[in-house]
Amino acid sequence: YLDVTTPQISGSVNGSIGTTGWYISQTTFTASTSDALSGIA
């Protein structure tokens, strides 16, 4: 059993982007993780 690869994390943001890094609407963050070898603990 050999696993040297760290889990992968990806995400997305649902919200209206304003200026200077601000969002001008309520904003939802969604993320997911995956691991092709030993699996996510």
PDB file of all heavy atoms in Angstrom:
ATOM      1  N   TYR A   1       0.860  -1.186   0.000  1.00  0.00           N
ATOM      2  CA  TYR A   1       0.000   0.000   0.000  1.00  0.00           C
ATOM      3  C   TYR A   1       0.896   1.235   0.000  1.00  0.00           C
ATOM      4  O   TYR A   1       1.630   1.480   0.960  1.00  0.00           O
ATOM      5  CB  TYR A   1      -0.910   0.014   1.233  1.00  0.00           C
ATOM      6  CG  TYR A   1      -1.727  -1.244   1.389  1.00  0.00           C
ATOM      7  CD1 TYR A   1      -1.234  -2.323   2.122  1.00  0.00           C
ATOM      8  CD2 TYR A   1      -2.972  -1.351   0.798  1.00  0.00           C
ATOM      9  CE1 TYR A   1      -1.976  -3.488   2.252  1.00  0.00           C
ATOM     10  CE2 TYR A   1      -3.730  -2.507   0.925  1.00  0.00           C
ATOM     11  CZ  TYR A   1      -3.227  -3.573   1.648  1.00  0.00           C
ATOM     12  OH  TYR A   1      -3.964  -4.717   1.765  1.00  0.00           O
ATOM     13  N   LEU A   2       0.838   2.015  -1.077  1.00  0.00           N
ATOM     14  CA  LEU A   2       1.690   3.194  -1.216  1.00  0.00           C
ATOM     15  C   LEU A   2       0.853   4.364  -1.729  1.00  0.00           C
ATOM     16  O   LEU A   2       0.209   4.274  -2.777  1.00  0.00           O
ATOM     17  CB  LEU A   2       2.846   2.915  -2.187  1.00  0.00           C
ATOM     18  CG  LEU A   2       3.773   4.095  -2.502  1.00  0.00           C
ATOM     19  CD1 LEU A   2       4.461   4.601  -1.239  1.00  0.00           C
ATOM     20  CD2 LEU A   2       4.806   3.702  -3.556  1.00  0.00           C
ATOM     21  N   ASP A   3       0.854   5.469  -0.979  1.00  0.00           N
ATOM     22  CA  ASP A   3       0.116   6.682  -1.362  1.00  0.00           C
ATOM     23  C   ASP A   3       0.952   7.881  -0.945  1.00  0.00           C
ATOM     24  O   ASP A   3       1.069   8.186   0.243  1.00  0.00           O
ATOM     25  CB  ASP A   3      -1.251   6.723  -0.670  1.00  0.00           C
ATOM     26  CG  ASP A   3      -2.091   7.923  -1.082  1.00  0.00           C
ATOM     27  OD1 ASP A   3      -1.592   8.758  -1.855  1.00  0.00           O
ATOM     28  OD2 ASP A   3      -3.243   8.028  -0.633  1.00  0.00           O
ATOM     29  N   VAL A   4       1.549   8.554  -1.913  1.00  0.00           N
ATOM     30  CA  VAL A   4       2.367   9.739  -1.628  1.00  0.00           C
ATOM     31  C   VAL A   4       1.693  11.019  -2.122  1.00  0.00           C
ATOM     32  O   VAL A   4       2.274  12.101  -2.030  1.00  0.00           O
ATOM     33  CB  VAL A   4       3.767   9.612  -2.271  1.00  0.00           C
ATOM     34  CG1 VAL A   4       4.517   8.426  -1.698  1.00  0.00           C
ATOM     35  CG2 VAL A   4       3.675   9.509  -3.782  1.00  0.00           C
ATOM     36  N   THR A   5       0.477  10.889  -2.654  1.00  0.00           N
ATOM     37  CA  THR A   5      -0.223  12.050  -3.230  1.00  0.00           C
ATOM     38  C   THR A   5      -1.201  12.621  -2.206  1.00  0.00           C
ATOM     39  O   THR A   5      -2.034  11.896  -1.662  1.00  0.00           O
ATOM     40  CB  THR A   5      -0.977  11.658  -4.503  1.00  0.00           C
ATOM     41  OG1 THR A   5      -0.066  11.089  -5.439  1.00  0.00           O
ATOM     42  CG2 THR A   5      -1.646  12.877  -5.133  1.00  0.00           C
ATOM     43  N   THR A   6      -1.096  13.928  -1.953  1.00  0.00           N
ATOM     44  CA  THR A   6      -2.007  14.570  -1.009  1.00  0.00           C
ATOM     45  C   THR A   6      -3.387  14.730  -1.634  1.00  0.00           C
ATOM     46  O   THR A   6      -3.532  14.776  -2.860  1.00  0.00           O
ATOM     47  CB  THR A   6      -1.472  15.958  -0.604  1.00  0.00           C
ATOM     48  OG1 THR A   6      -1.292  16.746  -1.785  1.00  0.00           O
ATOM     49  CG2 THR A   6      -0.153  15.835   0.137  1.00  0.00           C
ATOM     50  N   PRO A   7      -4.438  14.815  -0.813  1.00  0.00           N
ATOM     51  CA  PRO A   7      -5.787  15.013  -1.353  1.00  0.00           C
ATOM     52  C   PRO A   7      -5.896  16.313  -2.148  1.00  0.00           C
ATOM     53  O   PRO A   7      -5.158  17.272  -1.908  1.00  0.00           O
ATOM     54  CB  PRO A   7      -6.664  15.062  -0.093  1.00  0.00           C
ATOM     55  CG  PRO A   7      -5.865  14.379   0.962  1.00  0.00           C
ATOM     56  CD  PRO A   7      -4.435  14.682   0.653  1.00  0.00           C
ATOM     57  N   GLN A   8      -6.817  16.311  -3.078  1.00  0.00           N
ATOM     58  CA  GLN A   8      -7.091  17.509  -3.880  1.00  0.00           C
ATOM     59  C   GLN A   8      -8.326  18.218  -3.331  1.00  0.00           C
ATOM     60  O   GLN A   8      -9.317  17.571  -2.984  1.00  0.00           O
ATOM     61  CB  GLN A   8      -7.319  17.126  -5.348  1.00  0.00           C
ATOM     62  CG  GLN A   8      -6.125  16.423  -5.989  1.00  0.00           C
ATOM     63  CD  GLN A   8      -4.904  17.306  -6.026  1.00  0.00           C
ATOM     64  OE1 GLN A   8      -4.939  18.410  -6.553  1.00  0.00           O
ATOM     65  NE2 GLN A   8      -3.810  16.816  -5.456  1.00  0.00           N
ATOM     66  N   ILE A   9      -8.266  19.549  -3.250  1.00  0.00           N
ATOM     67  CA  ILE A   9      -9.401  20.360  -2.801  1.00  0.00           C
ATOM     68  C   ILE A   9      -9.727  21.368  -3.893  1.00  0.00           C
ATOM     69  O   ILE A   9      -8.849  22.060  -4.388  1.00  0.00           O
ATOM     70  CB  ILE A   9      -9.090  21.092  -1.482  1.00  0.00           C
ATOM     71  CG1 ILE A   9      -8.826  20.087  -0.360  1.00  0.00           C
ATOM     72  CG2 ILE A   9     -10.248  22.013  -1.093  1.00  0.00           C
ATOM     73  CD1 ILE A   9      -8.409  20.737   0.944  1.00  0.00           C
ATOM     74  N   SER A  10     -10.994  21.417  -4.271  1.00  0.00           N
ATOM     75  CA  SER A  10     -11.442  22.408  -5.256  1.00  0.00           C
ATOM     76  C   SER A  10     -12.712  23.061  -4.725  1.00  0.00           C
ATOM     77  O   SER A  10     -13.416  22.490  -3.884  1.00  0.00           O
ATOM     78  CB  SER A  10     -11.704  21.757  -6.620  1.00  0.00           C
ATOM     79  OG  SER A  10     -12.688  20.749  -6.510  1.00  0.00           O
ATOM     80  N   GLY A  11     -12.998  24.257  -5.223  1.00  0.00           N
ATOM     81  CA  GLY A  11     -14.170  24.972  -4.720  1.00  0.00           C
ATOM     82  C   GLY A  11     -14.732  25.934  -5.742  1.00  0.00           C
ATOM     83  O   GLY A  11     -14.135  26.190  -6.791  1.00  0.00           O
ATOM     84  N   SER A  12     -15.899  26.460  -5.439  1.00  0.00           N
ATOM     85  CA  SER A  12     -16.551  27.454  -6.291  1.00  0.00           C
ATOM     86  C   SER A  12     -17.274  28.462  -5.410  1.00  0.00           C
ATOM     87  O   SER A  12     -17.608  28.170  -4.253  1.00  0.00           O
ATOM     88  CB  SER A  12     -17.539  26.787  -7.259  1.00  0.00           C
ATOM     89  OG  SER A  12     -18.565  26.132  -6.544  1.00  0.00           O
ATOM     90  N   VAL A  13     -17.498  29.654  -5.976  1.00  0.00           N
ATOM     91  CA  VAL A  13     -18.144  30.749  -5.253  1.00  0.00           C
ATOM     92  C   VAL A  13     -19.353  31.203  -6.045  1.00  0.00           C
ATOM     93  O   VAL A  13     -19.275  31.404  -7.259  1.00  0.00           O
ATOM     94  CB  VAL A  13     -17.166  31.932  -5.062  1.00  0.00           C
ATOM     95  CG1 VAL A  13     -17.819  33.022  -4.226  1.00  0.00           C
ATOM     96  CG2 VAL A  13     -15.879  31.458  -4.418  1.00  0.00           C
ATOM     97  N   ASN A  14     -20.462  31.354  -5.362  1.00  0.00           N
ATOM     98  CA  ASN A  14     -21.685  31.836  -6.006  1.00  0.00           C
ATOM     99  C   ASN A  14     -22.065  33.172  -5.373  1.00  0.00           C
ATOM    100  O   ASN A  14     -22.535  33.214  -4.236  1.00  0.00           O
ATOM    101  CB  ASN A  14     -22.813  30.817  -5.835  1.00  0.00           C
ATOM    102  CG  ASN A  14     -24.085  31.230  -6.558  1.00  0.00           C
ATOM    103  OD1 ASN A  14     -24.060  32.097  -7.424  1.00  0.00           O
ATOM    104  ND2 ASN A  14     -25.196  30.631  -6.190  1.00  0.00           N
ATOM    105  N   GLY A  15     -21.816  34.252  -6.105  1.00  0.00           N
ATOM    106  CA  GLY A  15     -22.129  35.578  -5.600  1.00  0.00           C
ATOM    107  C   GLY A  15     -21.808  36.620  -6.652  1.00  0.00           C
ATOM    108  O   GLY A  15     -21.076  36.361  -7.608  1.00  0.00           O
ATOM    109  N   SER A  16     -22.365  37.815  -6.498  1.00  0.00           N
ATOM    110  CA  SER A  16     -22.132  38.905  -7.448  1.00  0.00           C
ATOM    111  C   SER A  16     -20.885  39.675  -7.028  1.00  0.00           C
ATOM    112  O   SER A  16     -20.797  40.172  -5.906  1.00  0.00           O
ATOM    113  CB  SER A  16     -23.331  39.853  -7.493  1.00  0.00           C
ATOM    114  OG  SER A  16     -24.491  39.167  -7.921  1.00  0.00           O
ATOM    115  N   ILE A  17     -19.936  39.771  -7.940  1.00  0.00           N
ATOM    116  CA  ILE A  17     -18.667  40.428  -7.652  1.00  0.00           C
ATOM    117  C   ILE A  17     -18.808  41.933  -7.847  1.00  0.00           C
ATOM    118  O   ILE A  17     -19.321  42.392  -8.869  1.00  0.00           O
ATOM    119  CB  ILE A  17     -17.556  39.876  -8.559  1.00  0.00           C
ATOM    120  CG1 ILE A  17     -17.391  38.369  -8.320  1.00  0.00           C
ATOM    121  CG2 ILE A  17     -16.242  40.598  -8.307  1.00  0.00           C
ATOM    122  CD1 ILE A  17     -16.384  37.725  -9.236  1.00  0.00           C
ATOM    123  N   GLY A  18     -18.361  42.683  -6.857  1.00  0.00           N
ATOM    124  CA  GLY A  18     -18.364  44.135  -6.968  1.00  0.00           C
ATOM    125  C   GLY A  18     -17.000  44.632  -7.383  1.00  0.00           C
ATOM    126  O   GLY A  18     -16.408  44.153  -8.346  1.00  0.00           O
ATOM    127  N   THR A  19     -16.458  45.584  -6.637  1.00  0.00           N
ATOM    128  CA  THR A  19     -15.139  46.140  -6.934  1.00  0.00           C
ATOM    129  C   THR A  19     -14.221  45.951  -5.737  1.00  0.00           C
ATOM    130  O   THR A  19     -14.673  45.684  -4.617  1.00  0.00           O
ATOM    131  CB  THR A  19     -15.235  47.629  -7.298  1.00  0.00           C
ATOM    132  OG1 THR A  19     -15.879  48.334  -6.214  1.00  0.00           O
ATOM    133  CG2 THR A  19     -16.048  47.830  -8.561  1.00  0.00           C
ATOM    134  N   THR A  20     -12.921  46.085  -5.985  1.00  0.00           N
ATOM    135  CA  THR A  20     -11.857  45.993  -4.975  1.00  0.00           C
ATOM    136  C   THR A  20     -11.995  44.754  -4.097  1.00  0.00           C
ATOM    137  O   THR A  20     -11.779  44.806  -2.889  1.00  0.00           O
ATOM    138  CB  THR A  20     -11.801  47.270  -4.094  1.00  0.00           C
ATOM    139  OG1 THR A  20     -13.042  47.403  -3.373  1.00  0.00           O
ATOM    140  CG2 THR A  20     -11.577  48.501  -4.948  1.00  0.00           C
ATOM    141  N   GLY A  21     -12.381  43.632  -4.727  1.00  0.00           N
ATOM    142  CA  GLY A  21     -12.429  42.363  -4.009  1.00  0.00           C
ATOM    143  C   GLY A  21     -13.664  42.137  -3.170  1.00  0.00           C
ATOM    144  O   GLY A  21     -13.731  41.161  -2.413  1.00  0.00           O
ATOM    145  N   TRP A  22     -14.671  42.978  -3.280  1.00  0.00           N
ATOM    146  CA  TRP A  22     -15.901  42.833  -2.497  1.00  0.00           C
ATOM    147  C   TRP A  22     -16.969  42.104  -3.313  1.00  0.00           C
ATOM    148  O   TRP A  22     -17.020  42.221  -4.535  1.00  0.00           O
ATOM    149  CB  TRP A  22     -16.436  44.194  -2.076  1.00  0.00           C
ATOM    150  CG  TRP A  22     -15.650  44.843  -0.983  1.00  0.00           C
ATOM    151  CD1 TRP A  22     -14.497  45.543  -1.106  1.00  0.00           C
ATOM    152  CD2 TRP A  22     -15.972  44.841   0.415  1.00  0.00           C
ATOM    153  NE1 TRP A  22     -14.069  45.982   0.119  1.00  0.00           N
ATOM    154  CE2 TRP A  22     -14.951  45.579   1.072  1.00  0.00           C
ATOM    155  CE3 TRP A  22     -17.008  44.302   1.169  1.00  0.00           C
ATOM    156  CZ2 TRP A  22     -14.957  45.775   2.456  1.00  0.00           C
ATOM    157  CZ3 TRP A  22     -17.011  44.498   2.546  1.00  0.00           C
ATOM    158  CH2 TRP A  22     -15.993  45.226   3.178  1.00  0.00           C
ATOM    159  N   TYR A  23     -17.828  41.380  -2.604  1.00  0.00           N
ATOM    160  CA  TYR A  23     -19.051  40.836  -3.186  1.00  0.00           C
ATOM    161  C   TYR A  23     -20.218  41.722  -2.766  1.00  0.00           C
ATOM    162  O   TYR A  23     -20.259  42.205  -1.616  1.00  0.00           O
ATOM    163  CB  TYR A  23     -19.304  39.402  -2.712  1.00  0.00           C
ATOM    164  CG  TYR A  23     -18.342  38.396  -3.294  1.00  0.00           C
ATOM    165  CD1 TYR A  23     -17.144  38.093  -2.659  1.00  0.00           C
ATOM    166  CD2 TYR A  23     -18.632  37.744  -4.483  1.00  0.00           C
ATOM    167  CE1 TYR A  23     -16.262  37.171  -3.204  1.00  0.00           C
ATOM    168  CE2 TYR A  23     -17.755  36.822  -5.033  1.00  0.00           C
ATOM    169  CZ  TYR A  23     -16.567  36.540  -4.386  1.00  0.00           C
ATOM    170  OH  TYR A  23     -15.702  35.629  -4.925  1.00  0.00           O
ATOM    171  N   ILE A  24     -21.160  41.937  -3.681  1.00  0.00           N
ATOM    172  CA  ILE A  24     -22.285  42.827  -3.391  1.00  0.00           C
ATOM    173  C   ILE A  24     -23.588  42.055  -3.285  1.00  0.00           C
ATOM    174  O   ILE A  24     -24.671  42.627  -3.404  1.00  0.00           O
ATOM    175  CB  ILE A  24     -22.394  43.941  -4.451  1.00  0.00           C
ATOM    176  CG1 ILE A  24     -22.504  43.362  -5.866  1.00  0.00           C
ATOM    177  CG2 ILE A  24     -21.193  44.872  -4.359  1.00  0.00           C
ATOM    178  CD1 ILE A  24     -22.731  44.426  -6.938  1.00  0.00           C
ATOM    179  N   SER A  25     -23.483  40.754  -3.061  1.00  0.00           N
ATOM    180  CA  SER A  25     -24.655  39.928  -2.796  1.00  0.00           C
ATOM    181  C   SER A  25     -24.269  38.896  -1.754  1.00  0.00           C
ATOM    182  O   SER A  25     -23.090  38.662  -1.481  1.00  0.00           O
ATOM    183  CB  SER A  25     -25.133  39.230  -4.070  1.00  0.00           C
ATOM    184  OG  SER A  25     -24.209  38.214  -4.448  1.00  0.00           O
ATOM    185  N   GLN A  26     -25.273  38.272  -1.165  1.00  0.00           N
ATOM    186  CA  GLN A  26     -24.997  37.137  -0.277  1.00  0.00           C
ATOM    187  C   GLN A  26     -24.208  36.094  -1.068  1.00  0.00           C
ATOM    188  O   GLN A  26     -24.521  35.813  -2.218  1.00  0.00           O
ATOM    189  CB  GLN A  26     -26.328  36.560   0.214  1.00  0.00           C
ATOM    190  CG  GLN A  26     -26.198  35.436   1.199  1.00  0.00           C
ATOM    191  CD  GLN A  26     -27.551  35.061   1.780  1.00  0.00           C
ATOM    192  OE1 GLN A  26     -28.035  35.660   2.731  1.00  0.00           O
ATOM    193  NE2 GLN A  26     -28.173  34.061   1.199  1.00  0.00           N
ATOM    194  N   THR A  27     -23.169  35.544  -0.461  1.00  0.00           N
ATOM    195  CA  THR A  27     -22.202  34.737  -1.207  1.00  0.00           C
ATOM    196  C   THR A  27     -22.070  33.352  -0.575  1.00  0.00           C
ATOM    197  O   THR A  27     -21.908  33.233   0.646  1.00  0.00           O
ATOM    198  CB  THR A  27     -20.837  35.438  -1.217  1.00  0.00           C
ATOM    199  OG1 THR A  27     -21.002  36.741  -1.799  1.00  0.00           O
ATOM    200  CG2 THR A  27     -19.834  34.661  -2.032  1.00  0.00           C
ATOM    201  N   THR A  28     -22.151  32.304  -1.420  1.00  0.00           N
ATOM    202  CA  THR A  28     -22.058  30.927  -0.945  1.00  0.00           C
ATOM    203  C   THR A  28     -20.770  30.286  -1.449  1.00  0.00           C
ATOM    204  O   THR A  28     -20.467  30.354  -2.643  1.00  0.00           O
ATOM    205  CB  THR A  28     -23.265  30.105  -1.418  1.00  0.00           C
ATOM    206  OG1 THR A  28     -24.468  30.693  -0.900  1.00  0.00           O
ATOM    207  CG2 THR A  28     -23.172  28.665  -0.927  1.00  0.00           C
ATOM    208  N   PHE A  29     -20.028  29.657  -0.544  1.00  0.00           N
ATOM    209  CA  PHE A  29     -18.805  28.940  -0.868  1.00  0.00           C
ATOM    210  C   PHE A  29     -19.087  27.435  -0.829  1.00  0.00           C
ATOM    211  O   PHE A  29     -19.619  26.918   0.149  1.00  0.00           O
ATOM    212  CB  PHE A  29     -17.696  29.283   0.125  1.00  0.00           C
ATOM    213  CG  PHE A  29     -16.885  30.479  -0.280  1.00  0.00           C
ATOM    214  CD1 PHE A  29     -17.477  31.716  -0.436  1.00  0.00           C
ATOM    215  CD2 PHE A  29     -15.532  30.371  -0.508  1.00  0.00           C
ATOM    216  CE1 PHE A  29     -16.746  32.829  -0.806  1.00  0.00           C
ATOM    217  CE2 PHE A  29     -14.770  31.473  -0.895  1.00  0.00           C
ATOM    218  CZ  PHE A  29     -15.382  32.698  -1.038  1.00  0.00           C
ATOM    219  N   THR A  30     -18.713  26.743  -1.917  1.00  0.00           N
ATOM    220  CA  THR A  30     -18.881  25.297  -2.023  1.00  0.00           C
ATOM    221  C   THR A  30     -17.536  24.676  -2.354  1.00  0.00           C
ATOM    222  O   THR A  30     -16.839  25.153  -3.255  1.00  0.00           O
ATOM    223  CB  THR A  30     -19.899  24.941  -3.114  1.00  0.00           C
ATOM    224  OG1 THR A  30     -21.135  25.595  -2.834  1.00  0.00           O
ATOM    225  CG2 THR A  30     -20.145  23.441  -3.169  1.00  0.00           C
ATOM    226  N   ALA A  31     -17.148  23.616  -1.637  1.00  0.00           N
ATOM    227  CA  ALA A  31     -15.854  22.967  -1.869  1.00  0.00           C
ATOM    228  C   ALA A  31     -16.036  21.455  -1.908  1.00  0.00           C
ATOM    229  O   ALA A  31     -17.035  20.911  -1.424  1.00  0.00           O
ATOM    230  CB  ALA A  31     -14.848  23.351  -0.782  1.00  0.00           C
ATOM    231  N   SER A  32     -15.065  20.768  -2.497  1.00  0.00           N
ATOM    232  CA  SER A  32     -15.071  19.304  -2.531  1.00  0.00           C
ATOM    233  C   SER A  32     -13.627  18.815  -2.485  1.00  0.00           C
ATOM    234  O   SER A  32     -12.690  19.560  -2.791  1.00  0.00           O
ATOM    235  CB  SER A  32     -15.762  18.781  -3.795  1.00  0.00           C
ATOM    236  OG  SER A  32     -15.079  19.219  -4.957  1.00  0.00           O
ATOM    237  N   THR A  33     -13.451  17.572  -2.080  1.00  0.00           N
ATOM    238  CA  THR A  33     -12.118  16.986  -1.998  1.00  0.00           C
ATOM    239  C   THR A  33     -12.147  15.582  -2.575  1.00  0.00           C
ATOM    240  O   THR A  33     -13.204  14.931  -2.608  1.00  0.00           O
ATOM    241  CB  THR A  33     -11.614  16.956  -0.547  1.00  0.00           C
ATOM    242  OG1 THR A  33     -10.281  16.474  -0.530  1.00  0.00           O
ATOM    243  CG2 THR A  33     -12.485  16.072   0.326  1.00  0.00           C
ATOM    244  N   SER A  34     -10.996  15.125  -3.063  1.00  0.00           N
ATOM    245  CA  SER A  34     -10.919  13.792  -3.667  1.00  0.00           C
ATOM    246  C   SER A  34      -9.536  13.217  -3.430  1.00  0.00           C
ATOM    247  O   SER A  34      -8.553  13.945  -3.242  1.00  0.00           O
ATOM    248  CB  SER A  34     -11.223  13.857  -5.167  1.00  0.00           C
ATOM    249  OG  SER A  34     -10.268  14.676  -5.835  1.00  0.00           O
ATOM    250  N   ASP A  35      -9.461  11.890  -3.408  1.00  0.00           N
ATOM    251  CA  ASP A  35      -8.194  11.179  -3.283  1.00  0.00           C
ATOM    252  C   ASP A  35      -8.352   9.845  -3.998  1.00  0.00           C
ATOM    253  O   ASP A  35      -9.189   9.024  -3.620  1.00  0.00           O
ATOM    254  CB  ASP A  35      -7.836  10.966  -1.816  1.00  0.00           C
ATOM    255  CG  ASP A  35      -6.437  10.410  -1.659  1.00  0.00           C
ATOM    256  OD1 ASP A  35      -6.281   9.171  -1.671  1.00  0.00           O
ATOM    257  OD2 ASP A  35      -5.495  11.203  -1.545  1.00  0.00           O
ATOM    258  N   ALA A  36      -7.574   9.652  -5.059  1.00  0.00           N
ATOM    259  CA  ALA A  36      -7.763   8.494  -5.934  1.00  0.00           C
ATOM    260  C   ALA A  36      -7.153   7.214  -5.387  1.00  0.00           C
ATOM    261  O   ALA A  36      -7.395   6.141  -5.938  1.00  0.00           O
ATOM    262  CB  ALA A  36      -7.163   8.790  -7.309  1.00  0.00           C
ATOM    263  N   LEU A  37      -6.357   7.285  -4.307  1.00  0.00           N
ATOM    264  CA  LEU A  37      -5.646   6.098  -3.836  1.00  0.00           C
ATOM    265  C   LEU A  37      -6.238   5.574  -2.533  1.00  0.00           C
ATOM    266  O   LEU A  37      -7.076   4.687  -2.534  1.00  0.00           O
ATOM    267  CB  LEU A  37      -4.162   6.412  -3.705  1.00  0.00           C
ATOM    268  CG  LEU A  37      -3.480   6.780  -5.044  1.00  0.00           C
ATOM    269  CD1 LEU A  37      -2.062   7.224  -4.811  1.00  0.00           C
ATOM    270  CD2 LEU A  37      -3.539   5.593  -6.001  1.00  0.00           C
ATOM    271  N   SER A  38      -5.827   6.138  -1.413  1.00  0.00           N
ATOM    272  CA  SER A  38      -6.309   5.599  -0.141  1.00  0.00           C
ATOM    273  C   SER A  38      -7.694   6.098   0.237  1.00  0.00           C
ATOM    274  O   SER A  38      -8.355   5.522   1.101  1.00  0.00           O
ATOM    275  CB  SER A  38      -5.321   5.950   0.978  1.00  0.00           C
ATOM    276  OG  SER A  38      -5.162   7.355   1.084  1.00  0.00           O
ATOM    277  N   GLY A  39      -8.168   7.182  -0.406  1.00  0.00           N
ATOM    278  CA  GLY A  39      -9.500   7.703  -0.115  1.00  0.00           C
ATOM    279  C   GLY A  39      -9.475   8.748   0.991  1.00  0.00           C
ATOM    280  O   GLY A  39      -8.544   8.823   1.797  1.00  0.00           O
ATOM    281  N   ILE A  40     -10.513   9.586   1.027  1.00  0.00           N
ATOM    282  CA  ILE A  40     -10.601  10.685   1.992  1.00  0.00           C
ATOM    283  C   ILE A  40     -11.027  10.163   3.361  1.00  0.00           C
ATOM    284  O   ILE A  40     -11.989   9.401   3.475  1.00  0.00           O
ATOM    285  CB  ILE A  40     -11.583  11.762   1.507  1.00  0.00           C
ATOM    286  CG1 ILE A  40     -11.060  12.415   0.227  1.00  0.00           C
ATOM    287  CG2 ILE A  40     -11.813  12.823   2.582  1.00  0.00           C
ATOM    288  CD1 ILE A  40      -9.748  13.147   0.388  1.00  0.00           C
ATOM    289  N   ALA A  41     -10.295  10.592   4.382  1.00  0.00           N
ATOM    290  CA  ALA A  41     -10.661  10.250   5.756  1.00  0.00           C
ATOM    291  C   ALA A  41     -11.450  11.377   6.413  1.00  0.00           C
ATOM    292  O   ALA A  41     -12.496  11.141   7.023  1.00  0.00           O
ATOM    293  CB  ALA A  41      -9.413   9.936   6.575  1.00  0.00           C
TER     294      ALA A  41
END
